[in-house]
Amino acid sequence: MVNLVSKKCVPCEGGTPPLEAEKIQEYLKEVEGWEAREGKMITRRFTFKSFREAIDFVNRVAGLAEREGHHPDIIIRYNKVTLELSTHAIGGLSENDFILASKIDLTHKWEEKVEKVVVKKFFTVKILLVIVFLLALLLWWKKFLN
């Protein structure tokens, strides 16, 4: 299968047929966590630590959707975001739905990796600061006792 992330969504005309079930199953293998619903749409739910993180994600998806010219239906429930993709002009699924899904997945995976690195570095710096503080306290105490 062609790398969907490298592709760009193209406008669909009303006469274009929606993808057939076999093709939908092939594309689903390329987009982790997405599910097909009645062959008419694909959907995925994302869960975040807070409402703010969910909204930040939605805003990044909105920017991506604008650049691609293909827009998901978005449902926000506090820290949960459900995205539904369908090509309304053809009444079903097109390659565009899977292209956008793959780009959303890439964005989400990148955010998770960045968060892990930032958290790890934050705690590393915090631990180093505690050690420096304890060493300074120890030196002060040693000086005080002399």
N, C-alpha and C. Protein backbone atom coordinates (compact mmCIF):
# COMPACT_ATOMS: atom_id res chain seq x y z
N MET A 1 0.85 -1.18 0.00
CA MET A 1 0.00 0.00 0.00
C MET A 1 0.89 1.24 0.00
N VAL A 2 0.46 2.26 -0.70
CA VAL A 2 1.19 3.52 -0.79
C VAL A 2 1.14 4.22 0.57
N ASN A 3 2.22 4.90 0.92
CA ASN A 3 2.29 5.65 2.17
C ASN A 3 1.25 6.78 2.14
N LEU A 4 0.19 6.63 2.91
CA LEU A 4 -0.92 7.60 2.89
C LEU A 4 -0.49 8.97 3.40
N VAL A 5 0.44 9.01 4.35
CA VAL A 5 0.87 10.29 4.93
C VAL A 5 1.50 11.19 3.87
N SER A 6 2.13 10.59 2.88
CA SER A 6 2.80 11.39 1.85
C SER A 6 1.84 11.91 0.78
N LYS A 7 0.60 11.43 0.80
CA LYS A 7 -0.38 11.85 -0.20
C LYS A 7 -1.13 13.10 0.25
N LYS A 8 -1.79 13.74 -0.68
CA LYS A 8 -2.60 14.93 -0.41
C LYS A 8 -4.04 14.63 -0.81
N CYS A 9 -4.97 15.11 0.02
CA CYS A 9 -6.39 14.94 -0.31
C CYS A 9 -6.70 15.71 -1.60
N VAL A 10 -7.53 15.10 -2.45
CA VAL A 10 -7.96 15.75 -3.69
C VAL A 10 -9.48 15.86 -3.69
N PRO A 11 -10.01 16.92 -4.27
CA PRO A 11 -11.47 17.08 -4.27
C PRO A 11 -12.16 15.90 -4.96
N CYS A 12 -13.28 15.47 -4.37
CA CYS A 12 -14.07 14.37 -4.94
C CYS A 12 -15.31 14.94 -5.61
N GLU A 13 -15.64 14.40 -6.73
CA GLU A 13 -16.86 14.80 -7.44
C GLU A 13 -17.99 13.86 -7.06
N GLY A 14 -19.20 14.34 -7.18
CA GLY A 14 -20.39 13.56 -6.83
C GLY A 14 -20.52 12.24 -7.56
N GLY A 15 -19.99 12.13 -8.76
CA GLY A 15 -20.13 10.89 -9.55
C GLY A 15 -19.12 9.82 -9.19
N THR A 16 -18.16 10.14 -8.37
CA THR A 16 -17.13 9.18 -7.98
C THR A 16 -17.74 8.13 -7.05
N PRO A 17 -17.52 6.85 -7.32
CA PRO A 17 -18.09 5.83 -6.43
C PRO A 17 -17.30 5.74 -5.11
N PRO A 18 -18.01 5.44 -4.02
CA PRO A 18 -17.29 5.24 -2.74
C PRO A 18 -16.46 3.97 -2.80
N LEU A 19 -15.51 3.85 -1.89
CA LEU A 19 -14.66 2.66 -1.84
C LEU A 19 -15.48 1.42 -1.53
N GLU A 20 -15.06 0.30 -2.11
CA GLU A 20 -15.71 -0.98 -1.85
C GLU A 20 -15.15 -1.58 -0.56
N ALA A 21 -15.87 -2.53 0.00
CA ALA A 21 -15.54 -3.13 1.30
C ALA A 21 -14.11 -3.67 1.37
N GLU A 22 -13.65 -4.33 0.29
CA GLU A 22 -12.29 -4.90 0.30
C GLU A 22 -11.24 -3.80 0.40
N LYS A 23 -11.45 -2.72 -0.34
CA LYS A 23 -10.51 -1.61 -0.34
C LYS A 23 -10.51 -0.92 1.03
N ILE A 24 -11.68 -0.80 1.63
CA ILE A 24 -11.79 -0.19 2.97
C ILE A 24 -10.97 -1.02 3.96
N GLN A 25 -11.07 -2.34 3.89
CA GLN A 25 -10.32 -3.22 4.79
C GLN A 25 -8.81 -3.06 4.58
N GLU A 26 -8.38 -2.90 3.34
CA GLU A 26 -6.96 -2.69 3.04
C GLU A 26 -6.47 -1.39 3.68
N TYR A 27 -7.26 -0.33 3.49
CA TYR A 27 -6.88 0.98 4.04
C TYR A 27 -6.90 0.98 5.57
N LEU A 28 -7.82 0.25 6.17
CA LEU A 28 -7.90 0.20 7.64
C LEU A 28 -6.62 -0.36 8.26
N LYS A 29 -5.94 -1.23 7.52
CA LYS A 29 -4.66 -1.77 8.01
C LYS A 29 -3.60 -0.68 8.11
N GLU A 30 -3.80 0.40 7.39
CA GLU A 30 -2.82 1.50 7.35
C GLU A 30 -3.08 2.56 8.42
N VAL A 31 -4.26 2.54 9.04
CA VAL A 31 -4.60 3.56 10.03
C VAL A 31 -5.01 2.90 11.34
N GLU A 32 -4.06 2.83 12.24
CA GLU A 32 -4.24 2.14 13.51
C GLU A 32 -5.32 2.79 14.37
N GLY A 33 -6.21 1.95 14.89
CA GLY A 33 -7.22 2.44 15.82
C GLY A 33 -8.51 2.96 15.19
N TRP A 34 -8.54 3.08 13.89
CA TRP A 34 -9.74 3.56 13.21
C TRP A 34 -10.66 2.38 12.90
N GLU A 35 -11.95 2.61 12.98
CA GLU A 35 -12.94 1.58 12.68
C GLU A 35 -13.89 2.07 11.60
N ALA A 36 -14.30 1.15 10.74
CA ALA A 36 -15.29 1.48 9.70
C ALA A 36 -16.68 1.28 10.27
N ARG A 37 -17.56 2.18 9.93
CA ARG A 37 -18.96 2.07 10.35
C ARG A 37 -19.83 1.98 9.10
N GLU A 38 -20.40 0.80 8.88
CA GLU A 38 -21.33 0.54 7.77
C GLU A 38 -20.75 0.91 6.40
N GLY A 39 -19.43 0.93 6.30
CA GLY A 39 -18.79 1.28 5.03
C GLY A 39 -19.00 2.72 4.61
N LYS A 40 -19.56 3.53 5.51
CA LYS A 40 -19.88 4.93 5.17
C LYS A 40 -18.93 5.92 5.82
N MET A 41 -18.28 5.52 6.94
CA MET A 41 -17.38 6.42 7.63
C MET A 41 -16.36 5.62 8.43
N ILE A 42 -15.26 6.28 8.78
CA ILE A 42 -14.31 5.70 9.72
C ILE A 42 -14.30 6.62 10.94
N THR A 43 -14.04 6.01 12.09
CA THR A 43 -14.09 6.78 13.34
C THR A 43 -12.99 6.32 14.28
N ARG A 44 -12.55 7.24 15.12
CA ARG A 44 -11.56 6.91 16.14
C ARG A 44 -11.74 7.84 17.33
N ARG A 45 -11.59 7.27 18.52
CA ARG A 45 -11.69 8.06 19.75
C ARG A 45 -10.30 8.22 20.36
N PHE A 46 -9.99 9.44 20.75
CA PHE A 46 -8.73 9.77 21.40
C PHE A 46 -9.04 10.25 22.82
N THR A 47 -8.23 9.83 23.78
CA THR A 47 -8.43 10.25 25.17
C THR A 47 -7.20 11.01 25.64
N PHE A 48 -7.44 12.12 26.33
CA PHE A 48 -6.38 12.99 26.82
C PHE A 48 -6.46 13.15 28.32
N LYS A 49 -5.45 13.75 28.91
CA LYS A 49 -5.42 13.94 30.36
C LYS A 49 -6.35 15.04 30.83
N SER A 50 -6.66 15.98 29.94
CA SER A 50 -7.49 17.11 30.36
C SER A 50 -8.29 17.65 29.17
N PHE A 51 -9.26 18.49 29.49
CA PHE A 51 -10.05 19.17 28.47
C PHE A 51 -9.13 20.03 27.60
N ARG A 52 -8.19 20.74 28.23
CA ARG A 52 -7.27 21.62 27.50
C ARG A 52 -6.47 20.84 26.46
N GLU A 53 -5.96 19.67 26.84
CA GLU A 53 -5.20 18.85 25.88
C GLU A 53 -6.09 18.40 24.73
N ALA A 54 -7.32 18.05 25.05
CA ALA A 54 -8.27 17.62 24.01
C ALA A 54 -8.51 18.76 23.02
N ILE A 55 -8.74 19.96 23.54
CA ILE A 55 -8.99 21.12 22.67
C ILE A 55 -7.75 21.46 21.84
N ASP A 56 -6.57 21.38 22.44
CA ASP A 56 -5.33 21.64 21.68
C ASP A 56 -5.21 20.66 20.52
N PHE A 57 -5.53 19.39 20.78
CA PHE A 57 -5.48 18.38 19.72
C PHE A 57 -6.49 18.71 18.62
N VAL A 58 -7.70 19.06 19.02
CA VAL A 58 -8.75 19.41 18.04
C VAL A 58 -8.28 20.59 17.18
N ASN A 59 -7.65 21.56 17.79
CA ASN A 59 -7.16 22.72 17.02
C ASN A 59 -6.08 22.31 16.02
N ARG A 60 -5.21 21.37 16.40
CA ARG A 60 -4.20 20.89 15.45
C ARG A 60 -4.86 20.11 14.32
N VAL A 61 -5.86 19.31 14.65
CA VAL A 61 -6.61 18.57 13.61
C VAL A 61 -7.31 19.55 12.68
N ALA A 62 -7.87 20.62 13.24
CA ALA A 62 -8.56 21.62 12.42
C ALA A 62 -7.59 22.26 11.41
N GLY A 63 -6.39 22.59 11.86
CA GLY A 63 -5.38 23.15 10.95
C GLY A 63 -5.00 22.17 9.86
N LEU A 64 -4.82 20.92 10.24
CA LEU A 64 -4.49 19.87 9.28
C LEU A 64 -5.63 19.70 8.27
N ALA A 65 -6.86 19.67 8.77
CA ALA A 65 -8.03 19.51 7.89
C ALA A 65 -8.14 20.67 6.90
N GLU A 66 -7.88 21.87 7.36
CA GLU A 66 -7.92 23.03 6.47
C GLU A 66 -6.88 22.91 5.36
N ARG A 67 -5.66 22.49 5.74
CA ARG A 67 -4.60 22.34 4.74
C ARG A 67 -4.95 21.26 3.72
N GLU A 68 -5.62 20.21 4.17
CA GLU A 68 -5.98 19.10 3.27
C GLU A 68 -7.28 19.35 2.51
N GLY A 69 -8.09 20.30 2.98
CA GLY A 69 -9.38 20.56 2.34
C GLY A 69 -10.37 19.42 2.56
N HIS A 70 -10.21 18.71 3.67
CA HIS A 70 -11.07 17.57 4.00
C HIS A 70 -11.30 17.62 5.51
N HIS A 71 -12.55 17.68 5.93
CA HIS A 71 -12.86 18.01 7.32
C HIS A 71 -13.62 16.90 8.04
N PRO A 72 -13.12 16.51 9.23
CA PRO A 72 -13.81 15.47 10.00
C PRO A 72 -14.98 16.07 10.79
N ASP A 73 -15.91 15.22 11.17
CA ASP A 73 -16.89 15.60 12.18
C ASP A 73 -16.18 15.36 13.51
N ILE A 74 -16.32 16.31 14.43
CA ILE A 74 -15.58 16.26 15.70
C ILE A 74 -16.57 16.29 16.85
N ILE A 75 -16.43 15.33 17.75
CA ILE A 75 -17.26 15.28 18.95
C ILE A 75 -16.32 15.37 20.15
N ILE A 76 -16.55 16.36 21.01
CA ILE A 76 -15.71 16.55 22.18
C ILE A 76 -16.54 16.28 23.44
N ARG A 77 -16.05 15.40 24.27
CA ARG A 77 -16.67 15.12 25.58
C ARG A 77 -15.56 15.20 26.61
N TYR A 78 -15.42 16.36 27.23
CA TYR A 78 -14.40 16.68 28.22
C TYR A 78 -13.01 16.33 27.69
N ASN A 79 -12.44 15.17 28.08
CA ASN A 79 -11.08 14.84 27.64
C ASN A 79 -11.07 13.78 26.53
N LYS A 80 -12.23 13.54 25.94
CA LYS A 80 -12.33 12.56 24.86
C LYS A 80 -12.74 13.25 23.56
N VAL A 81 -12.05 12.90 22.49
CA VAL A 81 -12.34 13.47 21.17
C VAL A 81 -12.62 12.30 20.23
N THR A 82 -13.79 12.33 19.60
CA THR A 82 -14.12 11.33 18.59
C THR A 82 -14.12 12.02 17.24
N LEU A 83 -13.38 11.46 16.31
CA LEU A 83 -13.31 11.99 14.95
C LEU A 83 -14.02 11.02 14.02
N GLU A 84 -14.83 11.56 13.15
CA GLU A 84 -15.53 10.76 12.14
C GLU A 84 -15.18 11.32 10.77
N LEU A 85 -14.73 10.45 9.89
CA LEU A 85 -14.35 10.86 8.54
C LEU A 85 -15.23 10.16 7.52
N SER A 86 -15.72 10.94 6.57
CA SER A 86 -16.53 10.43 5.48
C SER A 86 -16.46 11.45 4.34
N THR A 87 -16.62 10.98 3.14
CA THR A 87 -16.65 11.91 2.01
C THR A 87 -18.11 12.10 1.64
N HIS A 88 -18.67 13.18 2.15
CA HIS A 88 -20.10 13.44 2.00
C HIS A 88 -20.54 13.56 0.54
N ALA A 89 -19.67 14.10 -0.31
CA ALA A 89 -20.02 14.31 -1.72
C ALA A 89 -20.34 13.00 -2.44
N ILE A 90 -19.76 11.88 -1.95
CA ILE A 90 -20.02 10.60 -2.61
C ILE A 90 -20.82 9.65 -1.72
N GLY A 91 -21.17 10.10 -0.52
CA GLY A 91 -22.00 9.29 0.37
C GLY A 91 -21.30 8.06 0.91
N GLY A 92 -20.00 8.15 1.09
CA GLY A 92 -19.25 7.00 1.60
C GLY A 92 -17.80 7.36 1.84
N LEU A 93 -16.94 6.38 1.76
CA LEU A 93 -15.52 6.58 2.02
C LEU A 93 -14.73 6.72 0.72
N SER A 94 -13.76 7.61 0.78
CA SER A 94 -12.80 7.77 -0.32
C SER A 94 -11.40 7.66 0.25
N GLU A 95 -10.42 7.64 -0.61
CA GLU A 95 -9.03 7.60 -0.15
C GLU A 95 -8.73 8.81 0.73
N ASN A 96 -9.37 9.94 0.48
CA ASN A 96 -9.15 11.15 1.27
C ASN A 96 -9.36 10.90 2.77
N ASP A 97 -10.37 10.11 3.11
CA ASP A 97 -10.66 9.83 4.51
C ASP A 97 -9.47 9.13 5.18
N PHE A 98 -8.85 8.22 4.47
CA PHE A 98 -7.72 7.48 5.02
C PHE A 98 -6.44 8.30 5.00
N ILE A 99 -6.30 9.18 4.02
CA ILE A 99 -5.14 10.09 4.00
C ILE A 99 -5.18 10.99 5.23
N LEU A 100 -6.35 11.60 5.47
CA LEU A 100 -6.46 12.49 6.63
C LEU A 100 -6.31 11.71 7.93
N ALA A 101 -6.88 10.52 8.02
CA ALA A 101 -6.74 9.70 9.23
C ALA A 101 -5.27 9.39 9.51
N SER A 102 -4.51 9.07 8.47
CA SER A 102 -3.08 8.76 8.67
C SER A 102 -2.31 9.98 9.15
N LYS A 103 -2.68 11.15 8.66
CA LYS A 103 -2.00 12.38 9.09
C LYS A 103 -2.40 12.76 10.52
N ILE A 104 -3.64 12.50 10.88
CA ILE A 104 -4.08 12.73 12.26
C ILE A 104 -3.32 11.78 13.19
N ASP A 105 -3.20 10.52 12.79
CA ASP A 105 -2.45 9.55 13.60
C ASP A 105 -1.00 9.99 13.80
N LEU A 106 -0.38 10.45 12.74
CA LEU A 106 1.01 10.90 12.83
C LEU A 106 1.13 12.07 13.81
N THR A 107 0.20 13.01 13.73
CA THR A 107 0.20 14.15 14.64
C THR A 107 0.05 13.67 16.09
N HIS A 108 -0.88 12.75 16.31
CA HIS A 108 -1.12 12.25 17.66
C HIS A 108 0.08 11.49 18.20
N LYS A 109 0.69 10.63 17.39
CA LYS A 109 1.88 9.88 17.82
C LYS A 109 3.03 10.81 18.13
N TRP A 110 3.22 11.84 17.32
CA TRP A 110 4.28 12.81 17.54
C TRP A 110 4.07 13.52 18.87
N GLU A 111 2.83 13.91 19.17
CA GLU A 111 2.52 14.57 20.43
C GLU A 111 2.82 13.67 21.61
N GLU A 112 2.47 12.39 21.52
CA GLU A 112 2.74 11.47 22.61
C GLU A 112 4.23 11.33 22.85
N LYS A 113 5.02 11.23 21.79
CA LYS A 113 6.47 11.10 21.93
C LYS A 113 7.08 12.35 22.55
N VAL A 114 6.65 13.52 22.08
CA VAL A 114 7.16 14.77 22.62
C VAL A 114 6.82 14.88 24.10
N GLU A 115 5.60 14.52 24.46
CA GLU A 115 5.18 14.59 25.86
C GLU A 115 6.07 13.70 26.73
N LYS A 116 6.35 12.48 26.27
CA LYS A 116 7.19 11.56 27.04
C LYS A 116 8.59 12.14 27.22
N VAL A 117 9.16 12.70 26.17
CA VAL A 117 10.50 13.27 26.25
C VAL A 117 10.52 14.47 27.20
N VAL A 118 9.53 15.35 27.07
CA VAL A 118 9.47 16.54 27.92
C VAL A 118 9.30 16.15 29.38
N VAL A 119 8.40 15.23 29.67
CA VAL A 119 8.17 14.79 31.04
C VAL A 119 9.44 14.15 31.60
N LYS A 120 10.07 13.30 30.82
CA LYS A 120 11.29 12.64 31.26
C LYS A 120 12.38 13.66 31.57
N LYS A 121 12.57 14.63 30.68
CA LYS A 121 13.59 15.66 30.90
C LYS A 121 13.23 16.53 32.09
N PHE A 122 11.94 16.85 32.25
CA PHE A 122 11.51 17.68 33.37
C PHE A 122 11.86 17.01 34.69
N PHE A 123 11.56 15.71 34.80
CA PHE A 123 11.86 15.01 36.04
C PHE A 123 13.36 14.86 36.23
N THR A 124 14.11 14.69 35.16
CA THR A 124 15.57 14.61 35.26
C THR A 124 16.12 15.92 35.80
N VAL A 125 15.66 17.03 35.27
CA VAL A 125 16.11 18.35 35.73
C VAL A 125 15.70 18.57 37.18
N LYS A 126 14.49 18.18 37.52
CA LYS A 126 13.98 18.33 38.89
C LYS A 126 14.86 17.54 39.87
N ILE A 127 15.19 16.32 39.52
CA ILE A 127 16.04 15.49 40.37
C ILE A 127 17.42 16.12 40.52
N LEU A 128 17.98 16.61 39.43
CA LEU A 128 19.29 17.27 39.49
C LEU A 128 19.24 18.50 40.40
N LEU A 129 18.18 19.27 40.32
CA LEU A 129 18.05 20.44 41.19
C LEU A 129 17.97 20.04 42.65
N VAL A 130 17.26 18.97 42.95
CA VAL A 130 17.18 18.48 44.33
C VAL A 130 18.55 18.04 44.81
N ILE A 131 19.30 17.34 43.97
CA ILE A 131 20.64 16.89 44.35
C ILE A 131 21.55 18.08 44.60
N VAL A 132 21.51 19.07 43.73
CA VAL A 132 22.33 20.28 43.90
C VAL A 132 21.95 20.99 45.20
N PHE A 133 20.66 21.09 45.45
CA PHE A 133 20.20 21.73 46.68
C PHE A 133 20.71 20.97 47.91
N LEU A 134 20.59 19.64 47.88
CA LEU A 134 21.04 18.83 49.02
C LEU A 134 22.55 18.95 49.21
N LEU A 135 23.31 18.97 48.13
CA LEU A 135 24.77 19.14 48.24
C LEU A 135 25.11 20.51 48.83
N ALA A 136 24.42 21.54 48.36
CA ALA A 136 24.66 22.89 48.89
C ALA A 136 24.31 22.93 50.38
N LEU A 137 23.22 22.29 50.77
CA LEU A 137 22.81 22.24 52.16
C LEU A 137 23.85 21.48 53.00
N LEU A 138 24.33 20.39 52.45
CA LEU A 138 25.36 19.59 53.14
C LEU A 138 26.64 20.41 53.32
N LEU A 139 27.07 21.12 52.29
CA LEU A 139 28.27 21.97 52.39
C LEU A 139 28.05 23.08 53.42
N TRP A 140 26.89 23.69 53.41
CA TRP A 140 26.57 24.74 54.36
C TRP A 140 26.61 24.17 55.78
N TRP A 141 26.00 22.99 55.96
CA TRP A 141 25.95 22.37 57.29
C TRP A 141 27.37 22.03 57.76
N LYS A 142 28.19 21.51 56.85
CA LYS A 142 29.58 21.16 57.20
C LYS A 142 30.33 22.42 57.60
N LYS A 143 30.13 23.51 56.88
CA LYS A 143 30.79 24.78 57.18
C LYS A 143 30.30 25.31 58.52
N PHE A 144 29.02 25.14 58.77
CA PHE A 144 28.40 25.62 60.00
C PHE A 144 28.97 24.88 61.22
N LEU A 145 29.21 23.56 61.07
CA LEU A 145 29.71 22.75 62.19
C LEU A 145 31.18 23.02 62.48
N ASN A 146 31.94 23.49 61.48
CA ASN A 146 33.37 23.78 61.68
C ASN A 146 33.52 25.08 62.34
